[in-house]
N, C-alpha and C. Protein backbone atom coordinates (compact mmCIF):
# COMPACT_ATOMS: atom_id res chain seq x y z
N MET A 1 0.84 -1.20 0.00
CA MET A 1 0.00 0.00 0.00
C MET A 1 0.89 1.26 0.00
N SER A 2 1.90 1.21 0.81
CA SER A 2 2.79 2.38 0.90
C SER A 2 3.49 2.63 -0.45
N GLU A 3 3.89 1.52 -1.07
CA GLU A 3 4.61 1.66 -2.35
C GLU A 3 3.69 2.30 -3.41
N ARG A 4 2.43 1.89 -3.39
CA ARG A 4 1.50 2.42 -4.41
C ARG A 4 1.23 3.91 -4.11
N PHE A 5 1.18 4.27 -2.86
CA PHE A 5 0.92 5.66 -2.48
C PHE A 5 2.08 6.56 -2.89
N SER A 6 3.30 6.01 -2.73
CA SER A 6 4.50 6.77 -3.07
C SER A 6 4.48 7.16 -4.56
N GLY A 7 4.09 6.20 -5.41
CA GLY A 7 4.05 6.47 -6.85
C GLY A 7 2.95 7.47 -7.17
N ASP A 8 1.81 7.34 -6.51
CA ASP A 8 0.70 8.26 -6.76
C ASP A 8 1.06 9.67 -6.31
N LEU A 9 1.77 9.75 -5.20
CA LEU A 9 2.15 11.06 -4.66
C LEU A 9 3.02 11.83 -5.65
N GLN A 10 3.89 11.10 -6.34
CA GLN A 10 4.79 11.77 -7.29
C GLN A 10 4.02 12.22 -8.52
N PHE A 11 2.94 11.50 -8.84
CA PHE A 11 2.15 11.83 -10.03
C PHE A 11 1.08 12.89 -9.71
N LEU A 12 0.62 12.86 -8.47
CA LEU A 12 -0.42 13.81 -8.04
C LEU A 12 0.03 15.26 -8.22
N PRO A 13 1.18 15.62 -7.66
CA PRO A 13 1.69 16.98 -7.78
C PRO A 13 1.93 17.38 -9.23
N ALA A 14 2.34 16.45 -10.05
CA ALA A 14 2.61 16.74 -11.46
C ALA A 14 1.29 17.00 -12.20
N THR A 15 0.24 16.26 -11.82
CA THR A 15 -1.06 16.45 -12.48
C THR A 15 -1.79 17.66 -11.89
N ARG A 16 -1.59 17.88 -10.61
CA ARG A 16 -2.27 19.02 -9.95
C ARG A 16 -1.64 20.32 -10.44
N GLY A 17 -0.33 20.33 -10.57
CA GLY A 17 0.36 21.57 -10.97
C GLY A 17 -0.05 21.90 -12.40
């Protein structure tokens, strides 16, 4: 779960920005 969150976190800021 943590590993999947880590990848999403890196993509979230890129998509949000």
